[in-house]
Amino acid sequence: MNKTAAFYTLGCKVNQYETEALANLFRQGGYEVVDFSDKADVYVINTCTVTHLSDRKSRQMIRRAKKNNPEGIVAVMGCYAQIKWKDIRKIPGVDLILGTQDRLKVVELVEKIKTGKLDGVDKEINGDNKEYREAGELDKKTKQVERKTAVTRGKPVVVVKELGNAHFEEMPLGEIQRTRAFIKIEDGCEHFCTYCLVPHARGPVRSRDIENILADADRMAYHGAKEIVLTGVNLGAYGKDLEGDVSLAEVILKMQEISEIKRIRLSSLEPTDFTMELIETIEKSDKVCRHLHIPLQSGDDYILKKMNRRYEVDEYRKLVCYLRYLMPDLALTTDVMVGFPGEKEVNFNNTYEFVKEMAFSRLHVFKYSPRPGTPAGQFPDQVSPEDKDYRSRKLSELGSELSRQYSKRFVGRKVEVLFEEEK
C-alpha cells in the first residue's frame, strides 16, 4: 500500500511555493500526495501568523488533520510554528514542529518518528548547534537542550532555529506542468512595521544565488511554463545581502533572455524598494507584466508614521504618477489596513480619498489584528470592532467600483493573453 501525504497551506505565495517544494520532497521519498480531506499517513500544515485569524485557522487545521486520521503523523511548520512553537506543542496530536528553516529534513524526521525514536539523526539535529530545541526546553543558563533519547507519540519533536544567522534555504520544485510557475528568490524582512511579526518569523533578508534562480526558470520553461512569478517575503530587497552589484533588476534582465518565457510577474514590491534601475528595467522590458502590487497600508501620514512604514503619502503618489506616466495601462493593486490603533474618522477619510485618487485596479482590505510581541499591540486608542467592520466594508465597496472602472478601459481592445488551463 502506498504511503500518502497531505498538505494545507495558509498565507502568502511564499508559503504556497514552499509547500509545493515540500510535496516534491515527499514524492521523492515514495509518498503519494493526496487531498487534505483524505485519510493520509502524514499531514503537513504550513502556517501563517499575519493575523489572529490565521493563528486560529492554523490550530483548526491541526485538529482537523488528527480527526481525518487519528493515527497519522502531523507536522506543523511555517511562521506560526516559528513564533509559537511552545503553544503548538500543547495541542494534542502534533508530532513534529519545524519553523521557517530546515524544512528539507521533514521527510527524514517523519520516517524516524514513525519508528518511535530518532536514533541516527539525533546528533545531526542537535550536535553543537545550541539554537535547536528537540523535544525539550532550552536552558537559559547553559544554552543546552534538555536531551531526549526517544520520542513517544504525543510528545512532538521540535526543530526551531533562531534566525539571526539563517541562510537562504534552497527548496527546489519538481516538474511544473502549467502555464504559470512561482520562483522564490528571497526570504526575510527587516522593515519591522509596528504591527507585523514577519521579521521575527522569517529573519533577516537572504537572497538566492542568481544562477540557481535562472536554472529553475530554465527547467520550468522546458516543462511548459510561459509565465514566471518572482516572489519573496520582501522581494524588492533581493541582493542587498549579496556581494557585488546584484539586484532584482539584474534577475529580470537575465531571465527575460530565456526565449520560452513569455511573461515575468513581480509578486509584491514595497514603495521604498523602487530604484531608477528597477523602474527602467520594468518599463523597457517586453516581458514584465504590466501589473505591480505596491502595499499602501494607509493613506494618512500620521498613521503611516505610527506603522513605521518609512514613506509619506506624497512619496507614494509621486511613485505611482511616474509609473503610470511610463506605463499608462499599468494595473496597480495594493493592500490597505483599517482600524490601526489611533485611526480616527479623519484618518480613515484621508485613506479613502487617497485610494480613490490612486484608482487602484484591485484592493485588498484587511482589518488590523493586534499581534502579541509587536509595538502596535500595546498602543492605546485601539479601534472598536464595529468601526473596523464599517471601514472595511466601505473601502471594499470602493475597491470593487475601482476594479470595474479599470476593467472598462479594455472593452473593445485587442490584447495578448496567456491561457492558464482548459475547462
Protein backbone atom coordinates (compact mmCIF):
# COMPACT_ATOMS: atom_id res chain seq x y z
CA MET A 1 0.00 0.00 0.00
CA ASN A 2 1.39 3.41 -0.98
CA LYS A 3 2.42 5.90 1.68
CA THR A 4 0.36 9.09 1.50
CA ALA A 5 0.93 12.71 2.49
CA ALA A 6 -1.47 15.67 2.54
CA PHE A 7 -0.72 19.39 2.71
CA TYR A 8 -2.54 22.51 3.83
CA THR A 9 -1.14 25.99 3.21
CA LEU A 10 -2.11 29.23 4.91
CA GLY A 11 -0.90 32.68 3.93
CA CYS A 12 1.19 34.12 1.15
CA LYS A 13 2.59 32.98 -2.19
CA VAL A 14 5.93 32.24 -0.50
CA ASN A 15 4.19 29.66 1.67
CA GLN A 16 2.47 28.22 -1.40
CA TYR A 17 5.83 27.85 -3.15
CA GLU A 18 7.39 26.20 -0.12
CA THR A 19 4.51 23.74 0.22
CA GLU A 20 4.92 22.70 -3.42
CA ALA A 21 8.63 22.11 -2.77
CA LEU A 22 7.83 20.01 0.31
CA ALA A 23 5.28 17.96 -1.64
CA ASN A 24 8.03 17.26 -4.17
CA LEU A 25 10.29 16.02 -1.36
CA PHE A 26 7.62 13.63 -0.15
CA ARG A 27 7.08 12.32 -3.69
CA GLN A 28 10.81 11.67 -3.94
CA GLY A 29 10.52 9.80 -0.62
CA GLY A 30 7.95 7.43 -2.06
CA TYR A 31 4.77 9.19 -0.95
CA GLU A 32 1.64 9.83 -2.94
CA VAL A 33 0.24 13.34 -2.37
CA VAL A 34 -3.48 13.27 -1.58
CA ASP A 35 -6.14 15.81 -0.69
CA PHE A 36 -6.06 17.15 2.86
CA SER A 37 -9.60 15.87 3.46
CA ASP A 38 -8.49 12.30 2.70
CA LYS A 39 -7.10 9.80 5.16
CA ALA A 40 -3.33 10.21 4.92
CA ASP A 41 -0.27 8.80 6.66
CA VAL A 42 1.24 12.28 7.07
CA TYR A 43 -0.35 15.72 7.28
CA VAL A 44 1.79 18.83 6.80
CA ILE A 45 0.33 22.21 7.80
CA ASN A 46 2.31 25.22 6.56
CA THR A 47 1.16 28.01 8.86
CA CYS A 48 0.80 31.79 8.79
CA THR A 49 0.78 34.31 11.65
CA VAL A 50 -0.13 37.60 9.95
CA THR A 51 -3.40 37.92 11.94
CA HIS A 52 -5.03 36.24 14.91
CA LEU A 53 -7.42 34.64 12.40
CA SER A 54 -4.52 32.92 10.62
CA ASP A 55 -3.29 31.65 14.01
CA ARG A 56 -6.75 30.25 14.73
CA LYS A 57 -7.02 28.69 11.29
CA SER A 58 -3.65 27.03 11.78
CA ARG A 59 -4.83 25.43 15.02
CA GLN A 60 -8.10 24.35 13.39
CA MET A 61 -6.29 22.58 10.57
CA ILE A 62 -4.04 20.75 13.04
CA ARG A 63 -7.11 19.39 14.80
CA ARG A 64 -8.80 18.57 11.50
CA ALA A 65 -5.79 16.55 10.38
CA LYS A 66 -5.94 14.46 13.54
CA LYS A 67 -9.67 13.97 13.03
CA ASN A 68 -9.11 12.80 9.45
CA ASN A 69 -6.70 10.12 10.67
CA PRO A 70 -6.03 9.73 14.43
CA GLU A 71 -3.02 7.52 13.61
CA GLY A 72 -1.50 9.92 11.07
CA ILE A 73 1.70 11.90 11.62
CA VAL A 74 1.01 15.64 11.97
CA ALA A 75 3.85 18.03 11.07
CA VAL A 76 3.43 21.78 11.64
CA MET A 77 5.79 24.34 10.14
CA GLY A 78 5.96 27.93 8.92
CA CYS A 79 5.63 31.35 10.52
CA TYR A 80 3.16 30.48 13.29
CA ALA A 81 5.30 27.47 14.22
CA GLN A 82 8.43 29.65 14.30
CA ILE A 83 6.86 32.16 16.68
CA LYS A 84 4.51 29.98 18.77
CA TRP A 85 6.12 26.54 18.85
CA LYS A 86 5.56 26.26 22.60
CA ASP A 87 1.81 26.81 22.13
CA ILE A 88 1.62 24.31 19.28
CA ARG A 89 3.43 21.72 21.36
CA LYS A 90 0.45 21.71 23.74
CA ILE A 91 -2.04 20.78 21.00
CA PRO A 92 -2.82 17.05 21.23
CA GLY A 93 -1.73 15.02 18.25
CA VAL A 94 1.16 17.14 16.94
CA ASP A 95 4.21 15.00 16.16
CA LEU A 96 6.68 17.40 14.56
CA ILE A 97 7.19 21.18 14.73
CA LEU A 98 9.53 22.99 12.35
CA GLY A 99 9.91 26.73 11.96
CA THR A 100 10.97 28.57 8.81
CA GLN A 101 14.33 26.84 8.38
CA ASP A 102 15.48 23.23 7.90
CA ARG A 103 12.25 22.15 6.23
CA LEU A 104 14.24 19.87 3.92
CA LYS A 105 14.66 17.42 6.82
CA VAL A 106 10.93 16.88 7.17
CA VAL A 107 10.70 13.55 5.34
CA GLU A 108 13.67 12.12 7.22
CA LEU A 109 12.22 13.24 10.54
CA VAL A 110 8.78 11.86 9.74
CA GLU A 111 10.27 8.46 8.93
CA LYS A 112 12.16 8.42 12.23
CA ILE A 113 9.08 9.47 14.19
CA LYS A 114 7.22 6.53 12.68
CA THR A 115 9.70 4.20 14.36
CA GLY A 116 9.26 5.91 17.73
CA LYS A 117 12.85 7.11 18.02
CA LEU A 118 15.33 9.45 16.40
CA ASP A 119 18.45 7.32 16.61
CA GLY A 120 20.81 8.15 13.77
CA VAL A 121 19.64 11.72 13.25
CA ASP A 122 19.53 12.84 16.86
CA LYS A 123 23.10 14.08 16.88
CA GLU A 124 22.73 15.68 13.48
CA ILE A 125 19.75 17.73 14.62
CA ASN A 126 21.27 18.97 17.86
CA GLY A 127 25.00 18.46 17.67
CA ASP A 128 26.83 21.55 18.87
CA ASN A 129 24.20 23.88 17.46
CA LYS A 130 22.53 25.27 20.55
CA GLU A 131 19.92 27.10 18.51
CA TYR A 132 17.79 23.99 18.11
CA ARG A 133 15.21 22.63 20.51
CA GLU A 134 14.30 18.98 20.22
CA ALA A 135 11.53 17.65 22.45
CA GLY A 136 12.81 19.75 25.31
CA GLU A 137 13.31 23.24 26.73
CA LEU A 138 16.32 25.42 26.08
CA ASP A 139 18.02 26.03 29.42
CA LYS A 140 18.50 29.80 29.69
CA LYS A 141 21.69 29.49 31.74
CA THR A 142 23.60 26.73 29.95
CA LYS A 143 22.03 27.26 26.49
CA GLN A 144 21.86 23.47 26.24
CA VAL A 145 18.86 21.48 25.14
CA GLU A 146 17.29 19.02 27.55
CA ARG A 147 18.20 15.73 25.89
CA LYS A 148 15.64 13.11 25.00
CA THR A 149 16.86 9.71 23.80
CA ALA A 150 13.49 8.65 22.38
CA VAL A 151 10.35 10.29 21.19
CA THR A 152 6.95 8.90 22.03
CA ARG A 153 3.83 9.73 20.05
CA GLY A 154 2.06 12.57 21.76
CA LYS A 155 5.26 14.45 22.62
CA PRO A 156 6.32 16.33 19.50
CA VAL A 157 9.80 16.73 18.12
CA VAL A 158 10.58 20.44 17.96
CA VAL A 159 13.15 21.71 15.46
CA VAL A 160 13.03 25.51 15.57
CA LYS A 161 16.12 27.54 14.82
CA GLU A 162 17.00 31.10 15.76
CA LEU A 163 17.14 33.14 12.55
CA GLY A 164 19.91 35.65 13.21
CA ASN A 165 22.43 33.74 11.09
CA ALA A 166 19.95 31.99 8.82
CA HIS A 167 20.80 31.21 5.21
CA PHE A 168 18.60 31.05 2.13
CA GLU A 169 17.16 27.55 2.14
CA GLU A 170 17.10 26.02 -1.33
CA MET A 171 13.74 24.30 -1.81
CA PRO A 172 13.61 23.28 -5.48
CA LEU A 173 10.31 22.33 -7.07
CA GLY A 174 9.62 19.24 -9.10
CA GLU A 175 8.19 19.32 -12.61
CA ILE A 176 5.75 22.21 -13.01
CA GLN A 177 3.47 21.42 -15.93
CA ARG A 178 1.32 24.52 -16.14
CA THR A 179 1.44 27.96 -17.70
CA ARG A 180 2.33 29.94 -14.56
CA ALA A 181 5.12 28.94 -12.16
CA PHE A 182 6.43 30.57 -8.99
CA ILE A 183 10.10 31.00 -8.09
CA LYS A 184 11.05 32.14 -4.61
CA ILE A 185 14.20 34.26 -4.81
CA GLU A 186 14.31 35.97 -1.39
CA ASP A 187 13.44 35.32 2.24
CA GLY A 188 13.29 37.55 5.32
CA CYS A 189 12.30 41.14 6.10
CA GLU A 190 13.98 43.95 8.03
CA HIS A 191 11.31 46.65 7.88
CA PHE A 192 9.83 45.98 11.33
CA CYS A 193 6.47 47.63 10.80
CA THR A 194 4.95 48.10 14.24
CA TYR A 195 2.02 45.75 13.57
CA CYS A 196 3.92 42.87 11.96
CA LEU A 197 5.56 39.66 13.19
CA VAL A 198 7.05 38.66 9.84
CA PRO A 199 10.62 39.89 10.58
CA HIS A 200 10.59 37.73 13.72
CA ALA A 201 9.11 34.74 11.90
CA ARG A 202 11.30 34.98 8.79
CA GLY A 203 14.51 36.62 9.99
CA PRO A 204 16.85 38.92 8.06
CA VAL A 205 16.97 39.31 4.28
CA ARG A 206 18.53 36.33 2.47
CA SER A 207 18.82 36.26 -1.30
CA ARG A 208 19.02 33.21 -3.53
CA ASP A 209 22.01 32.72 -5.81
CA ILE A 210 21.10 34.13 -9.22
CA GLU A 211 22.44 31.08 -11.06
CA ASN A 212 20.06 28.83 -9.11
CA ILE A 213 17.16 31.15 -9.95
CA LEU A 214 17.93 31.01 -13.66
CA ALA A 215 18.42 27.24 -13.58
CA ASP A 216 14.95 26.88 -12.04
CA ALA A 217 13.48 29.19 -14.67
CA ASP A 218 15.14 27.20 -17.47
CA ARG A 219 13.79 23.93 -16.10
CA MET A 220 10.26 25.31 -15.68
CA ALA A 221 10.30 26.73 -19.20
CA TYR A 222 11.39 23.35 -20.52
CA HIS A 223 8.34 21.75 -18.87
CA GLY A 224 5.97 24.29 -20.42
CA ALA A 225 5.83 27.30 -18.10
CA LYS A 226 5.21 30.53 -20.00
CA GLU A 227 4.93 32.91 -17.06
CA ILE A 228 7.33 33.10 -14.09
CA VAL A 229 6.21 34.82 -10.90
CA LEU A 230 9.15 36.07 -8.85
CA THR A 231 8.25 36.00 -5.18
CA GLY A 232 9.82 36.65 -1.78
CA VAL A 233 8.97 37.87 1.68
CA ASN A 234 10.46 41.24 0.74
CA LEU A 235 11.08 40.80 -2.97
CA GLY A 236 12.48 44.28 -3.59
CA ALA A 237 15.27 43.68 -1.07
CA TYR A 238 16.74 40.97 -3.26
CA GLY A 239 20.52 41.23 -3.50
CA LYS A 240 21.18 43.58 -0.59
CA ASP A 241 22.91 40.76 1.33
CA LEU A 242 24.97 39.51 -1.61
CA GLU A 243 28.41 40.62 -2.68
CA GLY A 244 28.71 42.71 -5.79
CA ASP A 245 26.13 44.69 -7.69
CA VAL A 246 23.27 42.16 -7.60
CA SER A 247 19.66 43.33 -7.73
CA LEU A 248 16.14 42.37 -8.72
CA ALA A 249 16.66 44.30 -11.96
CA GLU A 250 19.55 42.01 -12.87
CA VAL A 251 17.40 38.93 -12.25
CA ILE A 252 14.75 40.32 -14.61
CA LEU A 253 17.27 41.21 -17.31
CA LYS A 254 18.81 37.73 -17.30
CA MET A 255 15.52 35.86 -17.02
CA GLN A 256 13.95 37.62 -19.98
CA GLU A 257 16.71 36.15 -22.16
CA ILE A 258 15.05 32.72 -21.81
CA SER A 259 13.09 32.63 -25.04
CA GLU A 260 10.40 30.17 -23.86
CA ILE A 261 9.35 32.52 -21.04
CA LYS A 262 6.80 35.00 -22.36
CA ARG A 263 5.93 36.86 -19.17
CA ILE A 264 7.63 37.75 -15.87
CA ARG A 265 5.44 38.85 -12.98
CA LEU A 266 6.61 40.52 -9.75
CA SER A 267 4.58 39.42 -6.74
CA SER A 268 4.81 42.46 -4.42
CA LEU A 269 7.14 45.43 -4.05
CA GLU A 270 7.36 47.90 -1.19
CA PRO A 271 7.17 51.60 -2.21
CA THR A 272 10.66 52.14 -0.77
CA ASP A 273 12.16 49.34 -2.89
CA PHE A 274 11.78 51.08 -6.25
CA THR A 275 15.06 52.32 -7.71
CA MET A 276 15.51 54.06 -11.05
CA GLU A 277 17.33 50.95 -12.27
CA LEU A 278 14.35 48.74 -11.37
CA ILE A 279 11.77 51.14 -12.83
CA GLU A 280 13.68 51.47 -16.12
CA THR A 281 14.12 47.68 -16.34
CA ILE A 282 10.39 47.11 -15.86
CA GLU A 283 9.40 49.86 -18.31
CA LYS A 284 11.76 48.76 -21.08
CA SER A 285 11.03 45.05 -20.80
CA ASP A 286 8.52 43.50 -23.18
CA LYS A 287 8.14 40.53 -20.81
CA VAL A 288 7.49 42.07 -17.40
CA CYS A 289 3.75 42.00 -16.77
CA ARG A 290 2.16 45.44 -16.59
CA HIS A 291 0.90 44.74 -13.10
CA LEU A 292 2.51 45.88 -9.87
CA HIS A 293 1.34 45.20 -6.33
CA ILE A 294 2.56 48.02 -4.08
CA PRO A 295 1.27 47.84 -0.47
CA LEU A 296 -0.09 51.16 0.79
CA GLN A 297 -1.49 50.16 4.24
CA SER A 298 -2.74 53.70 4.94
CA GLY A 299 -3.36 56.91 3.02
CA ASP A 300 -2.76 59.07 6.11
CA ASP A 301 0.70 60.31 7.10
CA TYR A 302 0.03 60.17 10.84
CA ILE A 303 -0.96 56.51 10.66
CA LEU A 304 1.89 55.65 8.29
CA LYS A 305 4.37 57.07 10.79
CA LYS A 306 2.82 55.06 13.64
CA MET A 307 3.07 51.97 11.45
CA ASN A 308 6.78 52.68 10.79
CA ARG A 309 6.14 52.47 7.05
CA ARG A 310 9.05 54.83 6.16
CA TYR A 311 7.29 56.83 3.43
CA GLU A 312 4.67 59.54 3.23
CA VAL A 313 1.53 59.74 1.15
CA ASP A 314 3.00 62.22 -1.30
CA GLU A 315 6.02 59.98 -1.93
CA TYR A 316 3.66 57.13 -2.77
CA ARG A 317 1.65 59.44 -5.04
CA LYS A 318 4.75 60.59 -6.94
CA LEU A 319 5.89 56.99 -7.44
CA VAL A 320 2.52 55.95 -8.84
CA CYS A 321 2.29 59.01 -11.10
CA TYR A 322 5.73 58.30 -12.54
CA LEU A 323 4.97 54.60 -13.10
CA ARG A 324 1.71 55.48 -14.88
CA TYR A 325 3.47 58.12 -16.97
CA LEU A 326 5.81 55.39 -18.23
CA MET A 327 3.12 52.64 -18.40
CA PRO A 328 -0.35 54.19 -18.89
CA ASP A 329 -2.27 50.88 -18.71
CA LEU A 330 -0.46 49.68 -15.58
CA ALA A 331 -2.64 47.55 -13.30
CA LEU A 332 -1.86 48.72 -9.78
CA THR A 333 -3.07 46.68 -6.80
CA THR A 334 -2.49 47.27 -3.13
CA ASP A 335 -3.14 46.30 0.49
CA VAL A 336 -4.89 48.67 2.90
CA MET A 337 -5.30 48.16 6.64
CA VAL A 338 -8.24 49.68 8.52
CA GLY A 339 -8.63 50.11 12.26
CA PHE A 340 -4.97 50.61 13.16
CA PRO A 341 -4.64 51.93 16.75
CA GLY A 342 -5.29 55.67 16.81
CA GLU A 343 -7.06 55.74 13.43
CA LYS A 344 -9.81 58.32 13.79
CA GLU A 345 -12.54 59.06 11.28
CA VAL A 346 -10.44 61.83 9.75
CA ASN A 347 -7.51 59.45 9.22
CA PHE A 348 -9.74 56.86 7.60
CA ASN A 349 -11.32 59.50 5.36
CA ASN A 350 -7.85 60.55 4.21
CA THR A 351 -7.15 56.93 3.29
CA TYR A 352 -10.48 56.60 1.49
CA GLU A 353 -9.90 59.70 -0.61
CA PHE A 354 -6.33 58.74 -1.42
CA VAL A 355 -7.37 55.26 -2.53
CA LYS A 356 -9.98 56.84 -4.79
CA GLU A 357 -7.37 59.22 -6.21
CA MET A 358 -4.92 56.38 -6.93
CA ALA A 359 -7.64 54.43 -8.80
CA PHE A 360 -6.23 51.02 -7.94
CA SER A 361 -7.29 48.15 -10.18
CA ARG A 362 -7.79 45.89 -7.16
CA LEU A 363 -7.86 46.46 -3.42
CA HIS A 364 -7.11 44.01 -0.63
CA VAL A 365 -8.66 45.42 2.55
CA PHE A 366 -7.99 43.85 5.92
CA LYS A 367 -8.75 44.80 9.50
CA TYR A 368 -5.94 45.45 11.96
CA SER A 369 -5.31 42.49 14.24
CA PRO A 370 -3.25 43.03 17.43
CA ARG A 371 -0.24 40.71 17.42
CA PRO A 372 1.42 39.88 20.76
CA GLY A 373 5.05 40.93 20.71
CA THR A 374 4.57 43.88 18.35
CA PRO A 375 4.72 47.56 19.42
CA ALA A 376 1.27 48.26 17.96
CA GLY A 377 -0.25 45.57 20.15
CA GLN A 378 0.49 47.83 23.12
CA PHE A 379 -0.62 51.11 21.52
CA PRO A 380 -3.51 52.98 23.17
CA ASP A 381 -6.67 54.00 21.27
CA GLN A 382 -7.49 50.57 19.88
CA VAL A 383 -10.32 50.84 17.34
CA SER A 384 -13.62 49.11 18.08
CA PRO A 385 -14.64 46.01 16.04
CA GLU A 386 -17.74 47.88 14.84
CA ASP A 387 -15.65 50.72 13.39
CA LYS A 388 -13.27 48.25 11.77
CA ASP A 389 -16.19 46.44 10.14
CA TYR A 390 -17.70 49.67 8.82
CA ARG A 391 -14.41 50.97 7.42
CA SER A 392 -13.55 47.62 5.87
CA ARG A 393 -16.95 47.38 4.20
CA LYS A 394 -16.84 50.97 2.89
CA LEU A 395 -13.32 50.62 1.48
CA SER A 396 -14.09 47.23 -0.07
CA GLU A 397 -17.08 48.71 -1.87
CA LEU A 398 -14.83 51.45 -3.26
CA GLY A 399 -12.31 48.81 -4.32
CA SER A 400 -14.97 46.91 -6.27
CA GLU A 401 -16.02 50.08 -8.09
CA LEU A 402 -12.41 50.99 -8.92
CA SER A 403 -11.84 47.48 -10.28
CA ARG A 404 -14.86 47.81 -12.58
CA GLN A 405 -13.65 51.16 -13.83
CA TYR A 406 -10.19 49.79 -14.61
CA SER A 407 -11.62 46.80 -16.49
CA LYS A 408 -13.84 49.02 -18.65
CA ARG A 409 -10.84 50.65 -20.32
CA PHE A 410 -10.10 47.38 -22.13
CA VAL A 411 -13.58 46.92 -23.60
CA GLY A 412 -13.28 46.78 -27.39
CA ARG A 413 -9.49 46.44 -27.32
CA LYS A 414 -7.43 43.50 -28.54
CA VAL A 415 -4.80 42.33 -26.03
CA GLU A 416 -2.48 39.33 -25.75
CA VAL A 417 -3.30 36.81 -23.01
CA LEU A 418 -1.91 33.55 -21.65
CA PHE A 419 -4.33 30.69 -21.12
CA GLU A 420 -3.66 29.03 -17.78
CA GLU A 421 -5.91 25.96 -18.10
CA GLU A 422 -8.62 24.35 -20.14
CA LYS A 423 -12.10 23.81 -18.71
